[in-house]
Amino acid sequence: MALLLSAICLLCLIGMGYVLGRQRALAVAGLARRQMHSLPEHHGALVAVCAAIPAFAVLVIGALASAGSLPVLAAAIAAGTLGGGLARRSIRPAARARTRVESLFQALLALSSSVAILTTVGIIASVLFESVRFFHSIPVSDFLFGLAWSPQTALRADQVGASGSFGAVPLFAGTLLISVIALAVGAPLGLLSAIYLAEYAGPRQRAVAKPILEILAGIPTVVYGFFAALSVAPLVRDVGTGLGLNVASESALAAGIVMGIMLIPFVSSLSDDVIAAVPQALRDGSYAVGATRSETIRNVVLPAALPGIVGALLLAVSRAIGETMIVVMAAGLSANLTANPFKAVTTVTVQIVSLLVGDQEFDSPKTLAAFALGLVLFLATLLLNVVALQVVRRFREQYE
């Protein structure tokens, strides 16, 4: 309630500051014999900002000091009124309100960017710090090249547990296997649907098909997990058994198929927008030299849209690597080192969740292993971004 009241008061100060500042600027402009340097809207915005900054600062200081809400709110209103009043009195024909407002908004944008950057740096630092602690107990070579994953260790002195095996190769292999299956399903279907919607579908067909495809993006992953566990996994097992294959009840193939279905709207929507943004003049030029529609799409449209398509595929890869719920419900938790899609496997993200759920101590290698896995996952995603940027730079076309 106190937070809502503070927000309402802050908005009222901003609104009143803008209105009073604009009215003052209009009055000064009517009395002045020479033209105002800045528009009345700029003066109103400057007064509003000068009222908002001290009021917001007082509210933040009061929240950090755990002071009473009413005294802090009264002090914030007083500070905002004082700041806005001083800014309103300083309105003159030569006042450079426009320059100041633009500088303030530029500083606000820079601050927002800095917050995003500092947040990323903080995440990396925290993961790296805990990973270093893990590697003090487990050698890096054993973690990166070990073939057995069984992180069951004693968490307390009164517990009995195994020494644990922290070879992450089975997790990397499982992540790669499921991601490859998902991309093999989602990338072609998504790209082909994008080509159809952008190049072949009429307005009526597009108006129906595109929203239906994008509905898939809004389905919670737990629903995909239920679909995979209750429908796709039994179907894959029954079909495999009918063909004489030994298919586990929880398999990488079932998880990969459902994950690929989940990726279709990401690839389709982004690729559709990129393909539609290719200049029509390029298509017309291709048709003018006798190329068919399919040849135009293959030789002109897709190369022109390749940077955006690569970005869509990169987003799909990142989503596939970071998916957890579908893998838990369809592929299981078994850390098997296998390339057989009919076997049960697990992924890096699934093991991170498994390690950080339940009774845990952050001095245990079992818990710290989750941060090491997170660091590897971050580095893998970074590598994918670097590769994608290189591909985009190589195939980017400049159109005038």
Protein backbone atom coordinates (compact mmCIF):
# COMPACT_ATOMS: atom_id res chain seq x y z
CA MET A 1 0.00 0.00 0.00
CA ALA A 2 2.82 2.39 0.88
CA LEU A 3 4.54 1.60 -2.42
CA LEU A 4 1.37 2.29 -4.40
CA LEU A 5 0.81 5.57 -2.55
CA SER A 6 4.41 6.63 -3.20
CA ALA A 7 4.06 5.85 -6.91
CA ILE A 8 0.82 7.84 -7.12
CA CYS A 9 2.39 10.84 -5.38
CA LEU A 10 5.45 10.67 -7.63
CA LEU A 11 3.27 10.60 -10.75
CA CYS A 12 1.23 13.52 -9.44
CA LEU A 13 4.41 15.53 -8.86
CA ILE A 14 5.60 14.78 -12.39
CA GLY A 15 2.25 15.71 -13.91
CA MET A 16 1.89 18.92 -11.92
CA GLY A 17 5.49 19.88 -12.64
CA TYR A 18 4.97 19.46 -16.37
CA VAL A 19 1.72 21.45 -16.42
CA LEU A 20 3.00 24.29 -14.22
CA GLY A 21 6.31 24.48 -16.06
CA ARG A 22 4.61 24.61 -19.45
CA GLN A 23 2.19 27.31 -18.27
CA ARG A 24 5.07 29.37 -16.89
CA ALA A 25 6.97 29.02 -20.18
CA LEU A 26 3.91 30.13 -22.16
CA ALA A 27 3.52 33.14 -19.92
CA VAL A 28 7.19 34.08 -20.24
CA ALA A 29 7.01 33.61 -24.01
CA GLY A 30 4.05 36.00 -24.17
CA LEU A 31 5.89 38.67 -22.20
CA ALA A 32 9.27 38.21 -23.84
CA ARG A 33 10.25 40.43 -26.76
CA ARG A 34 12.42 37.79 -28.34
CA GLN A 35 11.83 34.15 -29.16
CA MET A 36 12.24 31.45 -26.52
CA HIS A 37 15.22 29.16 -26.97
CA SER A 38 13.17 26.06 -26.07
CA LEU A 39 9.56 25.04 -26.54
CA PRO A 40 7.14 25.22 -23.59
CA GLU A 41 7.01 21.40 -23.63
CA HIS A 42 10.74 21.28 -22.97
CA HIS A 43 10.43 23.63 -19.99
CA GLY A 44 7.54 21.57 -18.63
CA ALA A 45 9.54 18.37 -18.99
CA LEU A 46 12.52 19.95 -17.23
CA VAL A 47 10.37 21.07 -14.29
CA ALA A 48 8.82 17.61 -14.09
CA VAL A 49 12.25 15.95 -14.03
CA CYS A 50 13.56 18.39 -11.42
CA ALA A 51 10.56 17.54 -9.24
CA ALA A 52 10.83 13.78 -9.78
CA ILE A 53 14.55 13.30 -9.11
CA PRO A 54 14.73 14.64 -5.52
CA ALA A 55 11.40 13.03 -4.61
CA PHE A 56 12.54 9.65 -5.93
CA ALA A 57 15.91 10.01 -4.16
CA VAL A 58 14.18 10.67 -0.83
CA LEU A 59 11.91 7.64 -1.33
CA VAL A 60 14.89 5.39 -2.08
CA ILE A 61 16.87 6.67 0.92
CA GLY A 62 13.85 6.20 3.16
CA ALA A 63 13.32 2.65 1.92
CA LEU A 64 16.98 1.78 2.52
CA ALA A 65 16.85 3.32 5.99
CA SER A 66 13.57 1.48 6.81
CA ALA A 67 12.02 4.75 7.93
CA GLY A 68 8.30 5.32 8.44
CA SER A 69 6.34 5.51 5.24
CA LEU A 70 4.35 8.67 6.00
CA PRO A 71 7.34 10.84 7.08
CA VAL A 72 9.33 9.64 4.08
CA LEU A 73 6.41 10.37 1.76
CA ALA A 74 6.00 13.86 3.22
CA ALA A 75 9.73 14.52 2.83
CA ALA A 76 9.62 13.27 -0.76
CA ILE A 77 6.71 15.56 -1.61
CA ALA A 78 8.51 18.50 -0.01
CA ALA A 79 11.75 17.76 -1.88
CA GLY A 80 9.92 17.34 -5.17
CA THR A 81 7.96 20.54 -4.66
CA LEU A 82 11.15 22.45 -3.85
CA GLY A 83 13.02 21.07 -6.86
CA GLY A 84 10.14 21.73 -9.23
CA GLY A 85 9.57 25.21 -7.82
CA LEU A 86 13.21 26.20 -8.29
CA ALA A 87 13.18 24.87 -11.85
CA ARG A 88 9.96 26.75 -12.59
CA ARG A 89 11.38 30.02 -11.30
CA SER A 90 14.46 29.62 -13.50
CA ILE A 91 12.44 29.66 -16.72
CA ARG A 92 13.80 32.44 -18.94
CA PRO A 93 13.70 33.10 -22.70
CA ALA A 94 17.37 32.15 -23.00
CA ALA A 95 17.13 29.08 -20.76
CA ARG A 96 18.33 25.99 -22.60
CA ALA A 97 15.66 23.62 -21.34
CA ARG A 98 15.75 21.50 -24.49
CA THR A 99 19.47 20.82 -24.13
CA ARG A 100 19.10 19.94 -20.46
CA VAL A 101 16.14 17.61 -21.07
CA GLU A 102 17.99 15.84 -23.86
CA SER A 103 21.05 15.47 -21.65
CA LEU A 104 18.95 14.03 -18.83
CA PHE A 105 17.27 11.51 -21.10
CA GLN A 106 20.62 10.57 -22.59
CA ALA A 107 21.94 9.99 -19.08
CA LEU A 108 18.84 7.91 -18.28
CA LEU A 109 19.41 5.74 -21.36
CA ALA A 110 23.08 5.33 -20.48
CA LEU A 111 22.11 4.36 -16.94
CA SER A 112 19.67 1.75 -18.25
CA SER A 113 22.37 0.28 -20.46
CA SER A 114 24.79 0.28 -17.55
CA VAL A 115 22.30 -1.57 -15.37
CA ALA A 116 21.94 -4.27 -18.02
CA ILE A 117 25.71 -4.55 -18.44
CA LEU A 118 26.39 -4.57 -14.70
CA THR A 119 23.71 -7.23 -14.20
CA THR A 120 25.42 -9.43 -16.79
CA VAL A 121 28.80 -8.82 -15.19
CA GLY A 122 27.38 -9.66 -11.77
CA ILE A 123 25.89 -12.92 -13.01
CA ILE A 124 29.16 -13.92 -14.66
CA ALA A 125 31.18 -12.98 -11.58
CA SER A 126 28.96 -14.94 -9.20
CA VAL A 127 28.94 -18.03 -11.41
CA LEU A 128 32.68 -17.78 -11.99
CA PHE A 129 33.43 -17.38 -8.27
CA GLU A 130 31.44 -20.47 -7.30
CA SER A 131 32.89 -22.42 -10.23
CA VAL A 132 36.42 -21.65 -9.05
CA ARG A 133 35.48 -23.02 -5.64
CA PHE A 134 34.20 -26.17 -7.30
CA PHE A 135 37.38 -26.61 -9.33
CA HIS A 136 39.41 -26.42 -6.12
CA SER A 137 37.78 -29.72 -5.17
CA ILE A 138 37.35 -31.33 -8.57
CA PRO A 139 40.03 -30.97 -11.29
CA VAL A 140 38.93 -29.19 -14.43
CA SER A 141 40.08 -32.10 -16.59
CA ASP A 142 37.95 -34.57 -14.61
CA PHE A 143 34.93 -32.32 -15.00
CA LEU A 144 35.29 -31.54 -18.70
CA PHE A 145 36.48 -34.95 -19.87
CA GLY A 146 35.08 -37.36 -17.27
CA LEU A 147 32.69 -39.99 -18.61
CA ALA A 148 30.69 -40.68 -15.42
CA TRP A 149 28.24 -38.31 -13.74
CA SER A 150 27.05 -39.26 -10.27
CA PRO A 151 27.23 -36.21 -7.98
CA GLN A 152 25.91 -37.97 -4.86
CA THR A 153 28.03 -36.87 -1.92
CA ALA A 154 27.54 -36.48 1.82
CA LEU A 155 26.19 -33.03 2.58
CA ARG A 156 26.62 -33.18 6.37
CA ALA A 157 28.87 -35.01 8.76
CA ASP A 158 26.03 -37.27 9.96
CA GLN A 159 25.22 -38.40 6.40
CA VAL A 160 26.79 -41.19 4.44
CA GLY A 161 27.32 -40.66 0.73
CA ALA A 162 29.50 -41.71 -2.12
CA SER A 163 32.55 -39.75 -3.15
CA GLY A 164 30.75 -38.66 -6.32
CA SER A 165 31.72 -38.59 -9.98
CA PHE A 166 31.62 -35.24 -11.75
CA GLY A 167 32.43 -36.11 -15.35
CA ALA A 168 30.13 -33.84 -17.36
CA VAL A 169 30.61 -35.42 -20.79
CA PRO A 170 27.31 -37.39 -20.54
CA LEU A 171 25.48 -34.13 -19.82
CA PHE A 172 27.10 -32.35 -22.76
CA ALA A 173 26.33 -35.28 -25.02
CA GLY A 174 22.70 -35.41 -23.88
CA THR A 175 22.27 -31.66 -24.37
CA LEU A 176 23.79 -31.84 -27.84
CA LEU A 177 21.72 -34.87 -28.83
CA ILE A 178 18.38 -33.39 -27.81
CA SER A 179 19.25 -29.97 -29.28
CA VAL A 180 20.21 -31.53 -32.63
CA ILE A 181 16.94 -33.48 -32.76
CA ALA A 182 14.96 -30.38 -31.83
CA LEU A 183 16.66 -28.29 -34.51
CA ALA A 184 16.20 -31.06 -37.07
CA VAL A 185 12.47 -30.81 -36.39
CA GLY A 186 11.96 -27.12 -35.65
CA ALA A 187 14.37 -25.38 -38.04
CA PRO A 188 13.13 -26.86 -41.36
CA LEU A 189 9.46 -26.66 -40.42
CA GLY A 190 9.81 -23.13 -39.08
CA LEU A 191 11.79 -21.89 -42.07
CA LEU A 192 9.49 -23.54 -44.62
CA SER A 193 6.42 -22.15 -42.90
CA ALA A 194 8.02 -18.69 -42.91
CA ILE A 195 8.72 -18.96 -46.65
CA TYR A 196 5.15 -20.02 -47.29
CA LEU A 197 3.65 -17.22 -45.21
CA ALA A 198 5.91 -14.54 -46.70
CA GLU A 199 5.98 -15.61 -50.35
CA TYR A 200 3.01 -17.83 -51.16
CA ALA A 201 0.17 -17.31 -48.71
CA GLY A 202 -2.52 -14.78 -49.49
CA PRO A 203 -3.69 -12.15 -46.98
CA ARG A 204 -6.57 -14.33 -45.76
CA GLN A 205 -4.41 -17.43 -45.33
CA ARG A 206 -1.71 -15.42 -43.59
CA ALA A 207 -4.21 -13.83 -41.22
CA VAL A 208 -5.29 -17.30 -40.10
CA ALA A 209 -2.04 -19.29 -40.18
CA LYS A 210 0.35 -16.80 -38.53
CA PRO A 211 -1.66 -16.33 -35.28
CA ILE A 212 -2.14 -20.09 -34.99
CA LEU A 213 1.61 -20.64 -35.32
CA GLU A 214 2.38 -17.96 -32.78
CA ILE A 215 0.00 -19.55 -30.26
CA LEU A 216 2.62 -22.27 -29.90
CA ALA A 217 5.05 -19.69 -28.49
CA GLY A 218 2.66 -18.88 -25.64
CA ILE A 219 2.11 -22.46 -24.46
CA PRO A 220 3.90 -23.09 -21.13
CA THR A 221 6.75 -25.56 -21.36
CA VAL A 222 5.17 -27.72 -18.65
CA VAL A 223 2.26 -28.31 -21.04
CA TYR A 224 4.74 -29.38 -23.71
CA GLY A 225 6.25 -31.66 -21.09
CA PHE A 226 2.90 -33.30 -20.36
CA PHE A 227 2.31 -33.72 -24.09
CA ALA A 228 5.73 -35.30 -24.49
CA ALA A 229 5.39 -37.64 -21.51
CA LEU A 230 1.78 -38.75 -22.09
CA SER A 231 1.50 -38.75 -25.88
CA VAL A 232 4.75 -38.53 -27.82
CA ALA A 233 6.97 -40.78 -25.65
CA PRO A 234 4.47 -43.71 -25.63
CA LEU A 235 3.92 -43.25 -29.38
CA VAL A 236 7.67 -43.30 -30.08
CA ARG A 237 8.07 -46.38 -27.89
CA ASP A 238 5.19 -48.24 -29.57
CA VAL A 239 6.37 -47.38 -33.08
CA GLY A 240 9.92 -48.40 -32.23
CA THR A 241 8.75 -51.65 -30.68
CA GLY A 242 6.68 -52.36 -33.77
CA LEU A 243 9.79 -51.90 -35.89
CA GLY A 244 11.78 -54.23 -33.65
CA LEU A 245 13.77 -51.49 -31.93
CA ASN A 246 14.50 -51.23 -28.23
CA VAL A 247 13.04 -47.83 -27.27
CA ALA A 248 13.01 -46.63 -23.67
CA SER A 249 9.89 -45.16 -22.11
CA GLU A 250 11.83 -41.91 -21.69
CA SER A 251 13.92 -41.15 -24.76
CA ALA A 252 15.89 -38.30 -26.27
CA LEU A 253 13.88 -38.66 -29.46
CA ALA A 254 10.56 -37.92 -27.74
CA ALA A 255 11.99 -34.90 -25.93
CA GLY A 256 13.68 -33.63 -29.09
CA ILE A 257 10.53 -33.93 -31.21
CA VAL A 258 8.40 -31.98 -28.75
CA MET A 259 11.14 -29.42 -28.23
CA GLY A 260 11.35 -29.00 -32.01
CA ILE A 261 7.61 -28.33 -32.12
CA MET A 262 8.12 -25.70 -29.45
CA LEU A 263 10.86 -24.04 -31.55
CA ILE A 264 8.74 -23.75 -34.71
CA PRO A 265 7.09 -20.39 -33.85
CA PHE A 266 10.43 -18.82 -32.86
CA VAL A 267 12.05 -19.73 -36.17
CA SER A 268 8.91 -19.07 -38.21
CA SER A 269 7.96 -15.69 -36.79
CA LEU A 270 11.42 -14.13 -36.94
CA SER A 271 12.26 -15.61 -40.33
CA ASP A 272 8.91 -14.48 -41.72
CA ASP A 273 9.55 -10.89 -40.65
CA VAL A 274 13.07 -10.96 -42.12
CA ILE A 275 11.96 -12.47 -45.43
CA ALA A 276 9.10 -9.98 -45.73
CA ALA A 277 11.59 -7.13 -45.17
CA VAL A 278 13.62 -8.04 -48.28
CA PRO A 279 13.03 -5.21 -50.81
CA GLN A 280 10.46 -6.04 -53.46
CA ALA A 281 12.79 -4.53 -56.07
CA LEU A 282 15.10 -7.52 -55.67
CA ARG A 283 12.27 -9.92 -56.43
CA ASP A 284 11.14 -7.83 -59.40
CA GLY A 285 14.68 -7.77 -60.79
CA SER A 286 14.91 -11.54 -60.51
CA TYR A 287 11.58 -12.01 -62.24
CA ALA A 288 12.67 -9.59 -64.96
CA VAL A 289 15.59 -11.83 -65.98
CA GLY A 290 13.30 -14.86 -66.23
CA ALA A 291 13.70 -16.52 -62.83
CA THR A 292 10.79 -18.44 -61.38
CA ARG A 293 9.36 -17.78 -57.94
CA SER A 294 11.21 -20.73 -56.38
CA GLU A 295 14.47 -19.68 -58.02
CA THR A 296 13.97 -16.14 -56.77
CA ILE A 297 13.40 -17.36 -53.24
CA ARG A 298 16.41 -19.68 -53.36
CA ASN A 299 18.90 -17.37 -55.06
CA VAL A 300 17.77 -13.88 -54.02
CA VAL A 301 15.41 -13.76 -51.05
CA LEU A 302 17.08 -16.31 -48.77
CA PRO A 303 20.64 -14.96 -49.25
CA ALA A 304 19.35 -11.44 -48.55
CA ALA A 305 17.52 -12.60 -45.42
CA LEU A 306 20.30 -14.91 -44.23
CA PRO A 307 21.56 -12.70 -41.34
CA GLY A 308 18.07 -12.56 -39.83
CA ILE A 309 17.50 -16.28 -40.39
CA VAL A 310 20.78 -17.04 -38.63
CA GLY A 311 19.61 -14.90 -35.72
CA ALA A 312 16.34 -16.83 -35.57
CA LEU A 313 18.18 -20.15 -35.57
CA LEU A 314 20.52 -18.89 -32.87
CA LEU A 315 17.55 -17.97 -30.71
CA ALA A 316 16.12 -21.43 -31.31
CA VAL A 317 19.43 -23.08 -30.34
CA SER A 318 19.63 -21.03 -27.15
CA ARG A 319 16.06 -21.94 -26.27
CA ALA A 320 16.75 -25.62 -26.93
CA ILE A 321 19.91 -25.66 -24.83
CA GLY A 322 18.18 -23.89 -21.94
CA GLU A 323 15.00 -25.98 -21.91
CA THR A 324 14.42 -28.03 -18.76
CA MET A 325 10.82 -29.11 -18.22
CA ILE A 326 10.38 -31.05 -21.46
CA VAL A 327 13.60 -32.96 -20.87
CA VAL A 328 12.69 -33.82 -17.28
CA MET A 329 9.28 -35.20 -18.24
CA ALA A 330 10.20 -36.87 -21.54
CA ALA A 331 13.89 -37.84 -21.36
CA GLY A 332 14.41 -38.45 -17.65
CA LEU A 333 17.34 -37.78 -15.34
CA SER A 334 19.69 -40.59 -16.35
CA ALA A 335 23.15 -39.33 -17.28
CA ASN A 336 23.83 -41.86 -20.03
CA LEU A 337 26.70 -41.34 -22.43
CA THR A 338 25.08 -42.42 -25.69
CA ALA A 339 24.31 -41.20 -29.18
CA ASN A 340 21.26 -43.44 -29.40
CA PRO A 341 18.14 -41.23 -29.55
CA PHE A 342 16.02 -44.13 -28.25
CA LYS A 343 17.77 -44.10 -24.87
CA ALA A 344 17.09 -41.93 -21.83
CA VAL A 345 19.49 -39.01 -21.42
CA THR A 346 19.69 -35.79 -19.45
CA THR A 347 20.94 -32.26 -20.11
CA VAL A 348 22.99 -29.61 -18.37
CA THR A 349 20.02 -27.49 -17.32
CA VAL A 350 18.14 -30.47 -15.90
CA GLN A 351 21.12 -31.37 -13.72
CA ILE A 352 21.50 -27.76 -12.57
CA VAL A 353 17.92 -27.80 -11.33
CA SER A 354 18.39 -31.22 -9.77
CA LEU A 355 21.53 -30.12 -7.91
CA LEU A 356 19.99 -26.95 -6.51
CA VAL A 357 16.73 -28.48 -5.26
CA GLY A 358 16.38 -29.90 -1.77
CA ASP A 359 18.90 -30.14 1.06
CA GLN A 360 22.10 -28.41 -0.01
CA GLU A 361 25.23 -26.72 1.24
CA PHE A 362 27.26 -24.32 -0.82
CA ASP A 363 30.46 -25.84 0.49
CA SER A 364 29.65 -29.18 -1.11
CA PRO A 365 31.03 -30.11 -4.55
CA LYS A 366 27.57 -31.48 -5.39
CA THR A 367 25.99 -28.03 -5.09
CA LEU A 368 28.94 -26.13 -6.55
CA ALA A 369 28.83 -28.41 -9.60
CA ALA A 370 25.68 -26.58 -10.68
CA PHE A 371 27.64 -23.34 -11.02
CA ALA A 372 30.35 -25.07 -13.03
CA LEU A 373 27.68 -26.43 -15.37
CA GLY A 374 26.18 -22.95 -15.62
CA LEU A 375 29.59 -21.50 -16.54
CA VAL A 376 30.04 -24.08 -19.30
CA LEU A 377 26.55 -23.35 -20.56
CA PHE A 378 27.31 -19.63 -20.64
CA LEU A 379 30.55 -20.18 -22.54
CA ALA A 380 28.79 -22.45 -25.04
CA THR A 381 26.12 -19.81 -25.66
CA LEU A 382 28.80 -17.15 -26.05
CA LEU A 383 30.58 -19.31 -28.61
CA LEU A 384 27.34 -19.75 -30.54
CA ASN A 385 26.88 -15.98 -30.61
CA VAL A 386 30.42 -15.45 -31.91
CA VAL A 387 29.93 -18.03 -34.65
CA ALA A 388 26.58 -16.50 -35.62
CA LEU A 389 28.13 -13.02 -35.83
CA GLN A 390 30.85 -14.33 -38.10
CA VAL A 391 28.26 -15.96 -40.35
CA VAL A 392 26.21 -12.77 -40.47
CA ARG A 393 29.24 -10.63 -41.31
CA ARG A 394 30.30 -12.98 -44.07
CA PHE A 395 26.94 -13.23 -45.80
CA ARG A 396 25.49 -9.81 -45.06
CA GLU A 397 24.36 -8.00 -48.17
CA GLN A 398 24.11 -4.23 -48.46
CA TYR A 399 21.06 -2.96 -50.39
CA GLU A 400 20.46 0.62 -51.32
